[in-house]
Amino acid sequence: MANSLSDRCKAVSHPGRLDLLRWLKDPAAHFPPQIDGDLVVDGVCAVFIARKWGVAQPTASRHLKLLTDAGLIVATRKKGWVFYRRDEQACAALKFDLEKSL
């Protein structure tokens, strides 16, 4: 993986970002249905993420960028919106790397 363990750990060190990773593990249980994009296949619209977090969209975007840069979530543009979903392989690799290094 291109991102160091330290960088990936920093990305999940914020409680809100950790919550988001939990929510994205089962998006249908945590977010309302969307008109555009399937919650599981395409991911969750950034607007719904910001609303659930209770933060302004620029704040949510900053956190989402950190998780995307760490490779833990994937962003997809569709019809002018950005959707985010977990990268399950990357999350499993983080868990493995963390267990291996402790």
PDB file of N, CA and C in Angstrom:
ATOM      1  N   MET A   1       0.844  -1.184   0.000  1.00  0.00           N
ATOM      2  CA  MET A   1       0.000   0.000   0.000  1.00  0.00           C
ATOM      3  C   MET A   1       0.886   1.244   0.000  1.00  0.00           C
ATOM      4  N   ALA A   2       0.498   2.230  -0.756  1.00  0.00           N
ATOM      5  CA  ALA A   2       1.313   3.429  -0.929  1.00  0.00           C
ATOM      6  C   ALA A   2       1.364   4.288   0.335  1.00  0.00           C
ATOM      7  N   ASN A   3       0.311   4.281   1.122  1.00  0.00           N
ATOM      8  CA  ASN A   3       0.255   5.116   2.319  1.00  0.00           C
ATOM      9  C   ASN A   3       0.903   4.400   3.495  1.00  0.00           C
ATOM     10  N   SER A   4       1.675   5.154   4.256  1.00  0.00           N
ATOM     11  CA  SER A   4       2.330   4.552   5.418  1.00  0.00           C
ATOM     12  C   SER A   4       1.294   4.226   6.491  1.00  0.00           C
ATOM     13  N   LEU A   5       1.649   3.312   7.350  1.00  0.00           N
ATOM     14  CA  LEU A   5       0.770   2.950   8.459  1.00  0.00           C
ATOM     15  C   LEU A   5       0.481   4.175   9.315  1.00  0.00           C
ATOM     16  N   SER A   6       1.493   4.979   9.540  1.00  0.00           N
ATOM     17  CA  SER A   6       1.328   6.192  10.338  1.00  0.00           C
ATOM     18  C   SER A   6       0.300   7.137   9.709  1.00  0.00           C
ATOM     19  N   ASP A   7       0.374   7.333   8.392  1.00  0.00           N
ATOM     20  CA  ASP A   7      -0.579   8.211   7.703  1.00  0.00           C
ATOM     21  C   ASP A   7      -2.002   7.667   7.789  1.00  0.00           C
ATOM     22  N   ARG A   8      -2.138   6.360   7.624  1.00  0.00           N
ATOM     23  CA  ARG A   8      -3.473   5.756   7.694  1.00  0.00           C
ATOM     24  C   ARG A   8      -4.034   5.835   9.108  1.00  0.00           C
ATOM     25  N   CYS A   9      -3.171   5.664  10.113  1.00  0.00           N
ATOM     26  CA  CYS A   9      -3.615   5.779  11.507  1.00  0.00           C
ATOM     27  C   CYS A   9      -4.042   7.209  11.826  1.00  0.00           C
ATOM     28  N   LYS A  10      -3.318   8.181  11.302  1.00  0.00           N
ATOM     29  CA  LYS A  10      -3.705   9.584  11.500  1.00  0.00           C
ATOM     30  C   LYS A  10      -5.084   9.847  10.899  1.00  0.00           C
ATOM     31  N   ALA A  11      -5.343   9.239   9.753  1.00  0.00           N
ATOM     32  CA  ALA A  11      -6.629   9.450   9.089  1.00  0.00           C
ATOM     33  C   ALA A  11      -7.793   8.927   9.923  1.00  0.00           C
ATOM     34  N   VAL A  12      -7.580   7.866  10.686  1.00  0.00           N
ATOM     35  CA  VAL A  12      -8.669   7.306  11.495  1.00  0.00           C
ATOM     36  C   VAL A  12      -8.612   7.760  12.952  1.00  0.00           C
ATOM     37  N   SER A  13      -7.682   8.647  13.267  1.00  0.00           N
ATOM     38  CA  SER A  13      -7.526   9.072  14.661  1.00  0.00           C
ATOM     39  C   SER A  13      -8.608  10.045  15.118  1.00  0.00           C
ATOM     40  N   HIS A  14      -9.336  10.637  14.204  1.00  0.00           N
ATOM     41  CA  HIS A  14     -10.409  11.563  14.550  1.00  0.00           C
ATOM     42  C   HIS A  14     -11.694  10.759  14.783  1.00  0.00           C
ATOM     43  N   PRO A  15     -12.383  10.986  15.903  1.00  0.00           N
ATOM     44  CA  PRO A  15     -13.590  10.197  16.199  1.00  0.00           C
ATOM     45  C   PRO A  15     -14.647  10.267  15.093  1.00  0.00           C
ATOM     46  N   GLY A  16     -14.808  11.422  14.487  1.00  0.00           N
ATOM     47  CA  GLY A  16     -15.796  11.565  13.417  1.00  0.00           C
ATOM     48  C   GLY A  16     -15.442  10.759  12.188  1.00  0.00           C
ATOM     49  N   ARG A  17     -14.162  10.725  11.849  1.00  0.00           N
ATOM     50  CA  ARG A  17     -13.738   9.940  10.687  1.00  0.00           C
ATOM     51  C   ARG A  17     -13.882   8.445  10.964  1.00  0.00           C
ATOM     52  N   LEU A  18     -13.623   8.054  12.189  1.00  0.00           N
ATOM     53  CA  LEU A  18     -13.810   6.653  12.573  1.00  0.00           C
ATOM     54  C   LEU A  18     -15.297   6.283  12.513  1.00  0.00           C
ATOM     55  N   ASP A  19     -16.155   7.197  12.985  1.00  0.00           N
ATOM     56  CA  ASP A  19     -17.605   6.981  12.864  1.00  0.00           C
ATOM     57  C   ASP A  19     -17.996   6.798  11.404  1.00  0.00           C
ATOM     58  N   LEU A  20     -17.476   7.661  10.544  1.00  0.00           N
ATOM     59  CA  LEU A  20     -17.820   7.577   9.130  1.00  0.00           C
ATOM     60  C   LEU A  20     -17.441   6.220   8.544  1.00  0.00           C
ATOM     61  N   LEU A  21     -16.261   5.728   8.880  1.00  0.00           N
ATOM     62  CA  LEU A  21     -15.862   4.404   8.380  1.00  0.00           C
ATOM     63  C   LEU A  21     -16.823   3.322   8.865  1.00  0.00           C
ATOM     64  N   ARG A  22     -17.300   3.452  10.094  1.00  0.00           N
ATOM     65  CA  ARG A  22     -18.287   2.487  10.615  1.00  0.00           C
ATOM     66  C   ARG A  22     -19.603   2.601   9.849  1.00  0.00           C
ATOM     67  N   TRP A  23     -20.050   3.848   9.623  1.00  0.00           N
ATOM     68  CA  TRP A  23     -21.303   4.060   8.896  1.00  0.00           C
ATOM     69  C   TRP A  23     -21.216   3.510   7.473  1.00  0.00           C
ATOM     70  N   LEU A  24     -20.078   3.730   6.825  1.00  0.00           N
ATOM     71  CA  LEU A  24     -19.930   3.290   5.435  1.00  0.00           C
ATOM     72  C   LEU A  24     -19.788   1.775   5.312  1.00  0.00           C
ATOM     73  N   LYS A  25     -19.534   1.104   6.423  1.00  0.00           N
ATOM     74  CA  LYS A  25     -19.476  -0.364   6.387  1.00  0.00           C
ATOM     75  C   LYS A  25     -20.860  -0.932   6.069  1.00  0.00           C
ATOM     76  N   ASP A  26     -21.914  -0.264   6.550  1.00  0.00           N
ATOM     77  CA  ASP A  26     -23.296  -0.669   6.285  1.00  0.00           C
ATOM     78  C   ASP A  26     -24.112   0.590   5.989  1.00  0.00           C
ATOM     79  N   PRO A  27     -23.913   1.181   4.811  1.00  0.00           N
ATOM     80  CA  PRO A  27     -24.539   2.475   4.526  1.00  0.00           C
ATOM     81  C   PRO A  27     -26.066   2.450   4.545  1.00  0.00           C
ATOM     82  N   ALA A  28     -26.668   1.344   4.147  1.00  0.00           N
ATOM     83  CA  ALA A  28     -28.132   1.276   4.126  1.00  0.00           C
ATOM     84  C   ALA A  28     -28.721   1.388   5.529  1.00  0.00           C
ATOM     85  N   ALA A  29     -27.973   1.002   6.545  1.00  0.00           N
ATOM     86  CA  ALA A  29     -28.448   1.088   7.928  1.00  0.00           C
ATOM     87  C   ALA A  29     -28.271   2.486   8.516  1.00  0.00           C
ATOM     88  N   HIS A  30     -27.433   3.307   7.893  1.00  0.00           N
ATOM     89  CA  HIS A  30     -27.085   4.599   8.491  1.00  0.00           C
ATOM     90  C   HIS A  30     -27.484   5.822   7.676  1.00  0.00           C
ATOM     91  N   PHE A  31     -27.870   5.621   6.415  1.00  0.00           N
ATOM     92  CA  PHE A  31     -28.198   6.755   5.554  1.00  0.00           C
ATOM     93  C   PHE A  31     -29.518   6.509   4.842  1.00  0.00           C
ATOM     94  N   PRO A  32     -30.237   7.602   4.514  1.00  0.00           N
ATOM     95  CA  PRO A  32     -31.506   7.445   3.790  1.00  0.00           C
ATOM     96  C   PRO A  32     -31.252   7.059   2.328  1.00  0.00           C
ATOM     97  N   PRO A  33     -32.266   6.516   1.670  1.00  0.00           N
ATOM     98  CA  PRO A  33     -32.118   6.197   0.244  1.00  0.00           C
ATOM     99  C   PRO A  33     -31.803   7.471  -0.551  1.00  0.00           C
ATOM    100  N   GLN A  34     -31.081   7.295  -1.649  1.00  0.00           N
ATOM    101  CA  GLN A  34     -30.692   8.423  -2.497  1.00  0.00           C
ATOM    102  C   GLN A  34     -31.404   8.320  -3.838  1.00  0.00           C
ATOM    103  N   ILE A  35     -31.669   9.464  -4.447  1.00  0.00           N
ATOM    104  CA  ILE A  35     -32.268   9.474  -5.781  1.00  0.00           C
ATOM    105  C   ILE A  35     -31.231   9.024  -6.807  1.00  0.00           C
ATOM    106  N   ASP A  36     -30.040   9.598  -6.730  1.00  0.00           N
ATOM    107  CA  ASP A  36     -28.951   9.234  -7.639  1.00  0.00           C
ATOM    108  C   ASP A  36     -27.949   8.370  -6.897  1.00  0.00           C
ATOM    109  N   GLY A  37     -27.624   7.246  -7.458  1.00  0.00           N
ATOM    110  CA  GLY A  37     -26.588   6.397  -6.874  1.00  0.00           C
ATOM    111  C   GLY A  37     -27.107   5.446  -5.815  1.00  0.00           C
ATOM    112  N   ASP A  38     -26.640   4.225  -5.894  1.00  0.00           N
ATOM    113  CA  ASP A  38     -26.957   3.196  -4.915  1.00  0.00           C
ATOM    114  C   ASP A  38     -26.020   3.344  -3.716  1.00  0.00           C
ATOM    115  N   LEU A  39     -26.563   3.300  -2.513  1.00  0.00           N
ATOM    116  CA  LEU A  39     -25.759   3.487  -1.302  1.00  0.00           C
ATOM    117  C   LEU A  39     -24.585   2.522  -1.216  1.00  0.00           C
ATOM    118  N   VAL A  40     -24.798   1.275  -1.593  1.00  0.00           N
ATOM    119  CA  VAL A  40     -23.751   0.260  -1.464  1.00  0.00           C
ATOM    120  C   VAL A  40     -22.801   0.283  -2.659  1.00  0.00           C
ATOM    121  N   VAL A  41     -23.348   0.314  -3.854  1.00  0.00           N
ATOM    122  CA  VAL A  41     -22.528   0.235  -5.067  1.00  0.00           C
ATOM    123  C   VAL A  41     -21.765   1.533  -5.323  1.00  0.00           C
ATOM    124  N   ASP A  42     -22.480   2.660  -5.297  1.00  0.00           N
ATOM    125  CA  ASP A  42     -21.871   3.953  -5.626  1.00  0.00           C
ATOM    126  C   ASP A  42     -21.304   4.675  -4.418  1.00  0.00           C
ATOM    127  N   GLY A  43     -21.856   4.397  -3.256  1.00  0.00           N
ATOM    128  CA  GLY A  43     -21.445   5.093  -2.046  1.00  0.00           C
ATOM    129  C   GLY A  43     -22.494   6.099  -1.608  1.00  0.00           C
ATOM    130  N   VAL A  44     -22.150   6.856  -0.595  1.00  0.00           N
ATOM    131  CA  VAL A  44     -23.072   7.814   0.014  1.00  0.00           C
ATOM    132  C   VAL A  44     -22.708   9.218  -0.448  1.00  0.00           C
ATOM    133  N   CYS A  45     -23.713   9.980  -0.824  1.00  0.00           N
ATOM    134  CA  CYS A  45     -23.505  11.359  -1.263  1.00  0.00           C
ATOM    135  C   CYS A  45     -22.918  12.187  -0.116  1.00  0.00           C
ATOM    136  N   ALA A  46     -21.972  13.042  -0.460  1.00  0.00           N
ATOM    137  CA  ALA A  46     -21.310  13.893   0.535  1.00  0.00           C
ATOM    138  C   ALA A  46     -22.307  14.747   1.312  1.00  0.00           C
ATOM    139  N   VAL A  47     -23.405  15.130   0.670  1.00  0.00           N
ATOM    140  CA  VAL A  47     -24.429  15.939   1.345  1.00  0.00           C
ATOM    141  C   VAL A  47     -25.028  15.169   2.520  1.00  0.00           C
ATOM    142  N   PHE A  48     -25.338  13.891   2.317  1.00  0.00           N
ATOM    143  CA  PHE A  48     -25.902  13.064   3.390  1.00  0.00           C
ATOM    144  C   PHE A  48     -24.883  12.826   4.503  1.00  0.00           C
ATOM    145  N   ILE A  49     -23.624  12.684   4.118  1.00  0.00           N
ATOM    146  CA  ILE A  49     -22.568  12.486   5.118  1.00  0.00           C
ATOM    147  C   ILE A  49     -22.447  13.721   6.000  1.00  0.00           C
ATOM    148  N   ALA A  50     -22.393  14.899   5.391  1.00  0.00           N
ATOM    149  CA  ALA A  50     -22.283  16.147   6.161  1.00  0.00           C
ATOM    150  C   ALA A  50     -23.487  16.317   7.084  1.00  0.00           C
ATOM    151  N   ARG A  51     -24.658  16.004   6.567  1.00  0.00           N
ATOM    152  CA  ARG A  51     -25.891  16.140   7.362  1.00  0.00           C
ATOM    153  C   ARG A  51     -25.864  15.201   8.571  1.00  0.00           C
ATOM    154  N   LYS A  52     -25.479  13.946   8.359  1.00  0.00           N
ATOM    155  CA  LYS A  52     -25.436  12.979   9.471  1.00  0.00           C
ATOM    156  C   LYS A  52     -24.385  13.380  10.496  1.00  0.00           C
ATOM    157  N   TRP A  53     -23.243  13.870  10.025  1.00  0.00           N
ATOM    158  CA  TRP A  53     -22.168  14.321  10.910  1.00  0.00           C
ATOM    159  C   TRP A  53     -22.564  15.577  11.685  1.00  0.00           C
ATOM    160  N   GLY A  54     -23.481  16.358  11.093  1.00  0.00           N
ATOM    161  CA  GLY A  54     -23.871  17.617  11.721  1.00  0.00           C
ATOM    162  C   GLY A  54     -22.830  18.704  11.514  1.00  0.00           C
ATOM    163  N   VAL A  55     -22.150  18.659  10.362  1.00  0.00           N
ATOM    164  CA  VAL A  55     -21.112  19.648  10.048  1.00  0.00           C
ATOM    165  C   VAL A  55     -21.415  20.292   8.704  1.00  0.00           C
ATOM    166  N   ALA A  56     -20.775  21.434   8.463  1.00  0.00           N
ATOM    167  CA  ALA A  56     -20.902  22.105   7.171  1.00  0.00           C
ATOM    168  C   ALA A  56     -20.220  21.261   6.098  1.00  0.00           C
ATOM    169  N   GLN A  57     -20.664  21.424   4.861  1.00  0.00           N
ATOM    170  CA  GLN A  57     -20.098  20.618   3.789  1.00  0.00           C
ATOM    171  C   GLN A  57     -18.590  20.817   3.600  1.00  0.00           C
ATOM    172  N   PRO A  58     -18.050  22.042   3.722  1.00  0.00           N
ATOM    173  CA  PRO A  58     -16.591  22.184   3.596  1.00  0.00           C
ATOM    174  C   PRO A  58     -15.828  21.397   4.669  1.00  0.00           C
ATOM    175  N   THR A  59     -16.376  21.334   5.869  1.00  0.00           N
ATOM    176  CA  THR A  59     -15.744  20.560   6.946  1.00  0.00           C
ATOM    177  C   THR A  59     -15.777  19.075   6.611  1.00  0.00           C
ATOM    178  N   ALA A  60     -16.929  18.600   6.163  1.00  0.00           N
ATOM    179  CA  ALA A  60     -17.039  17.191   5.771  1.00  0.00           C
ATOM    180  C   ALA A  60     -16.081  16.884   4.627  1.00  0.00           C
ATOM    181  N   SER A  61     -15.991  17.780   3.660  1.00  0.00           N
ATOM    182  CA  SER A  61     -15.098  17.566   2.511  1.00  0.00           C
ATOM    183  C   SER A  61     -13.651  17.428   2.937  1.00  0.00           C
ATOM    184  N   ARG A  62     -13.250  18.218   3.901  1.00  0.00           N
ATOM    185  CA  ARG A  62     -11.862  18.152   4.398  1.00  0.00           C
ATOM    186  C   ARG A  62     -11.584  16.776   5.026  1.00  0.00           C
ATOM    187  N   HIS A  63     -12.512  16.304   5.849  1.00  0.00           N
ATOM    188  CA  HIS A  63     -12.350  14.988   6.478  1.00  0.00           C
ATOM    189  C   HIS A  63     -12.401  13.866   5.433  1.00  0.00           C
ATOM    190  N   LEU A  64     -13.309  13.986   4.486  1.00  0.00           N
ATOM    191  CA  LEU A  64     -13.430  12.976   3.438  1.00  0.00           C
ATOM    192  C   LEU A  64     -12.167  12.911   2.587  1.00  0.00           C
ATOM    193  N   LYS A  65     -11.562  14.061   2.336  1.00  0.00           N
ATOM    194  CA  LYS A  65     -10.313  14.090   1.567  1.00  0.00           C
ATOM    195  C   LYS A  65      -9.197  13.362   2.313  1.00  0.00           C
ATOM    196  N   LEU A  66      -9.114  13.552   3.624  1.00  0.00           N
ATOM    197  CA  LEU A  66      -8.089  12.853   4.409  1.00  0.00           C
ATOM    198  C   LEU A  66      -8.252  11.335   4.315  1.00  0.00           C
ATOM    199  N   LEU A  67      -9.491  10.873   4.413  1.00  0.00           N
ATOM    200  CA  LEU A  67      -9.739   9.432   4.318  1.00  0.00           C
ATOM    201  C   LEU A  67      -9.499   8.911   2.901  1.00  0.00           C
ATOM    202  N   THR A  68      -9.835   9.724   1.914  1.00  0.00           N
ATOM    203  CA  THR A  68      -9.589   9.340   0.520  1.00  0.00           C
ATOM    204  C   THR A  68      -8.097   9.291   0.239  1.00  0.00           C
ATOM    205  N   ASP A  69      -7.370  10.306   0.692  1.00  0.00           N
ATOM    206  CA  ASP A  69      -5.915  10.339   0.493  1.00  0.00           C
ATOM    207  C   ASP A  69      -5.225   9.164   1.182  1.00  0.00           C
ATOM    208  N   ALA A  70      -5.793   8.718   2.296  1.00  0.00           N
ATOM    209  CA  ALA A  70      -5.233   7.568   3.016  1.00  0.00           C
ATOM    210  C   ALA A  70      -5.604   6.250   2.334  1.00  0.00           C
ATOM    211  N   GLY A  71      -6.489   6.330   1.335  1.00  0.00           N
ATOM    212  CA  GLY A  71      -6.878   5.135   0.600  1.00  0.00           C
ATOM    213  C   GLY A  71      -7.954   4.307   1.272  1.00  0.00           C
ATOM    214  N   LEU A  72      -8.583   4.843   2.319  1.00  0.00           N
ATOM    215  CA  LEU A  72      -9.564   4.062   3.077  1.00  0.00           C
ATOM    216  C   LEU A  72     -10.982   4.173   2.527  1.00  0.00           C
ATOM    217  N   ILE A  73     -11.247   5.244   1.789  1.00  0.00           N
ATOM    218  CA  ILE A  73     -12.532   5.385   1.107  1.00  0.00           C
ATOM    219  C   ILE A  73     -12.269   5.779  -0.343  1.00  0.00           C
ATOM    220  N   VAL A  74     -13.273   5.551  -1.173  1.00  0.00           N
ATOM    221  CA  VAL A  74     -13.176   5.847  -2.604  1.00  0.00           C
ATOM    222  C   VAL A  74     -14.245   6.870  -2.952  1.00  0.00           C
ATOM    223  N   ALA A  75     -13.850   7.901  -3.685  1.00  0.00           N
ATOM    224  CA  ALA A  75     -14.782   8.932  -4.133  1.00  0.00           C
ATOM    225  C   ALA A  75     -15.143   8.681  -5.593  1.00  0.00           C
ATOM    226  N   THR A  76     -16.437   8.827  -5.904  1.00  0.00           N
ATOM    227  CA  THR A  76     -16.917   8.658  -7.272  1.00  0.00           C
ATOM    228  C   THR A  76     -17.828   9.824  -7.615  1.00  0.00           C
ATOM    229  N   ARG A  77     -17.579  10.464  -8.750  1.00  0.00           N
ATOM    230  CA  ARG A  77     -18.450  11.553  -9.213  1.00  0.00           C
ATOM    231  C   ARG A  77     -19.560  10.969 -10.080  1.00  0.00           C
ATOM    232  N   LYS A  78     -20.778  11.476  -9.832  1.00  0.00           N
ATOM    233  CA  LYS A  78     -21.926  11.017 -10.609  1.00  0.00           C
ATOM    234  C   LYS A  78     -22.972  12.122 -10.631  1.00  0.00           C
ATOM    235  N   LYS A  79     -23.324  12.576 -11.817  1.00  0.00           N
ATOM    236  CA  LYS A  79     -24.350  13.613 -11.994  1.00  0.00           C
ATOM    237  C   LYS A  79     -24.084  14.854 -11.140  1.00  0.00           C
ATOM    238  N   GLY A  80     -22.851  15.270 -11.054  1.00  0.00           N
ATOM    239  CA  GLY A  80     -22.522  16.484 -10.318  1.00  0.00           C
ATOM    240  C   GLY A  80     -22.372  16.303  -8.818  1.00  0.00           C
ATOM    241  N   TRP A  81     -22.555  15.101  -8.332  1.00  0.00           N
ATOM    242  CA  TRP A  81     -22.423  14.811  -6.906  1.00  0.00           C
ATOM    243  C   TRP A  81     -21.200  13.933  -6.681  1.00  0.00           C
ATOM    244  N   VAL A  82     -20.698  13.935  -5.455  1.00  0.00           N
ATOM    245  CA  VAL A  82     -19.590  13.043  -5.111  1.00  0.00           C
ATOM    246  C   VAL A  82     -20.101  12.044  -4.080  1.00  0.00           C
ATOM    247  N   PHE A  83     -19.866  10.773  -4.369  1.00  0.00           N
ATOM    248  CA  PHE A  83     -20.298   9.677  -3.513  1.00  0.00           C
ATOM    249  C   PHE A  83     -19.070   8.995  -2.923  1.00  0.00           C
ATOM    250  N   TYR A  84     -19.188   8.563  -1.675  1.00  0.00           N
ATOM    251  CA  TYR A  84     -18.060   7.939  -0.979  1.00  0.00           C
ATOM    252  C   TYR A  84     -18.449   6.560  -0.477  1.00  0.00           C
ATOM    253  N   ARG A  85     -17.541   5.608  -0.670  1.00  0.00           N
ATOM    254  CA  ARG A  85     -17.744   4.258  -0.140  1.00  0.00           C
ATOM    255  C   ARG A  85     -16.431   3.765   0.454  1.00  0.00           C
ATOM    256  N   ARG A  86     -16.540   2.835   1.369  1.00  0.00           N
ATOM    257  CA  ARG A  86     -15.360   2.233   2.005  1.00  0.00           C
ATOM    258  C   ARG A  86     -14.602   1.382   1.016  1.00  0.00           C
ATOM    259  N   ASP A  87     -13.289   1.400   1.119  1.00  0.00           N
ATOM    260  CA  ASP A  87     -12.457   0.446   0.390  1.00  0.00           C
ATOM    261  C   ASP A  87     -12.175  -0.679   1.379  1.00  0.00           C
ATOM    262  N   GLU A  88     -12.948  -1.752   1.269  1.00  0.00           N
ATOM    263  CA  GLU A  88     -12.861  -2.842   2.245  1.00  0.00           C
ATOM    264  C   GLU A  88     -11.480  -3.480   2.280  1.00  0.00           C
ATOM    265  N   GLN A  89     -10.847  -3.597   1.120  1.00  0.00           N
ATOM    266  CA  GLN A  89      -9.498  -4.171   1.079  1.00  0.00           C
ATOM    267  C   GLN A  89      -8.519  -3.291   1.841  1.00  0.00           C
ATOM    268  N   ALA A  90      -8.615  -1.990   1.656  1.00  0.00           N
ATOM    269  CA  ALA A  90      -7.708  -1.064   2.334  1.00  0.00           C
ATOM    270  C   ALA A  90      -7.955  -1.060   3.841  1.00  0.00           C
ATOM    271  N   CYS A  91      -9.216  -1.145   4.254  1.00  0.00           N
ATOM    272  CA  CYS A  91      -9.524  -1.190   5.689  1.00  0.00           C
ATOM    273  C   CYS A  91      -8.995  -2.477   6.311  1.00  0.00           C
ATOM    274  N   ALA A  92      -9.131  -3.588   5.594  1.00  0.00           N
ATOM    275  CA  ALA A  92      -8.596  -4.864   6.089  1.00  0.00           C
ATOM    276  C   ALA A  92      -7.073  -4.818   6.165  1.00  0.00           C
ATOM    277  N   ALA A  93      -6.445  -4.178   5.181  1.00  0.00           N
ATOM    278  CA  ALA A  93      -4.981  -4.055   5.180  1.00  0.00           C
ATOM    279  C   ALA A  93      -4.511  -3.202   6.353  1.00  0.00           C
ATOM    280  N   LEU A  94      -5.250  -2.140   6.672  1.00  0.00           N
ATOM    281  CA  LEU A  94      -4.896  -1.302   7.822  1.00  0.00           C
ATOM    282  C   LEU A  94      -4.954  -2.130   9.099  1.00  0.00           C
ATOM    283  N   LYS A  95      -6.024  -2.886   9.266  1.00  0.00           N
ATOM    284  CA  LYS A  95      -6.168  -3.732  10.460  1.00  0.00           C
ATOM    285  C   LYS A  95      -5.019  -4.740  10.541  1.00  0.00           C
ATOM    286  N   PHE A  96      -4.707  -5.380   9.433  1.00  0.00           N
ATOM    287  CA  PHE A  96      -3.621  -6.359   9.389  1.00  0.00           C
ATOM    288  C   PHE A  96      -2.281  -5.705   9.728  1.00  0.00           C
ATOM    289  N   ASP A  97      -1.991  -4.580   9.093  1.00  0.00           N
ATOM    290  CA  ASP A  97      -0.716  -3.889   9.320  1.00  0.00           C
ATOM    291  C   ASP A  97      -0.585  -3.414  10.761  1.00  0.00           C
ATOM    292  N   LEU A  98      -1.695  -2.959  11.335  1.00  0.00           N
ATOM    293  CA  LEU A  98      -1.671  -2.490  12.720  1.00  0.00           C
ATOM    294  C   LEU A  98      -1.423  -3.658  13.674  1.00  0.00           C
ATOM    295  N   GLU A  99      -2.114  -4.769  13.456  1.00  0.00           N
ATOM    296  CA  GLU A  99      -1.907  -5.951  14.307  1.00  0.00           C
ATOM    297  C   GLU A  99      -0.482  -6.473  14.188  1.00  0.00           C
ATOM    298  N   LYS A 100       0.048  -6.450  12.979  1.00  0.00           N
ATOM    299  CA  LYS A 100       1.394  -6.957  12.727  1.00  0.00           C
ATOM    300  C   LYS A 100       2.462  -6.088  13.402  1.00  0.00           C
ATOM    301  N   SER A 101       2.195  -4.801  13.488  1.00  0.00           N
ATOM    302  CA  SER A 101       3.224  -3.899  14.013  1.00  0.00           C
ATOM    303  C   SER A 101       3.167  -3.715  15.530  1.00  0.00           C
ATOM    304  N   LEU A 102       2.122  -4.202  16.175  1.00  0.00           N
ATOM    305  CA  LEU A 102       2.016  -4.031  17.634  1.00  0.00           C
ATOM    306  C   LEU A 102       2.513  -5.258  18.376  1.00  0.00           C
TER     307      LEU A 102
END
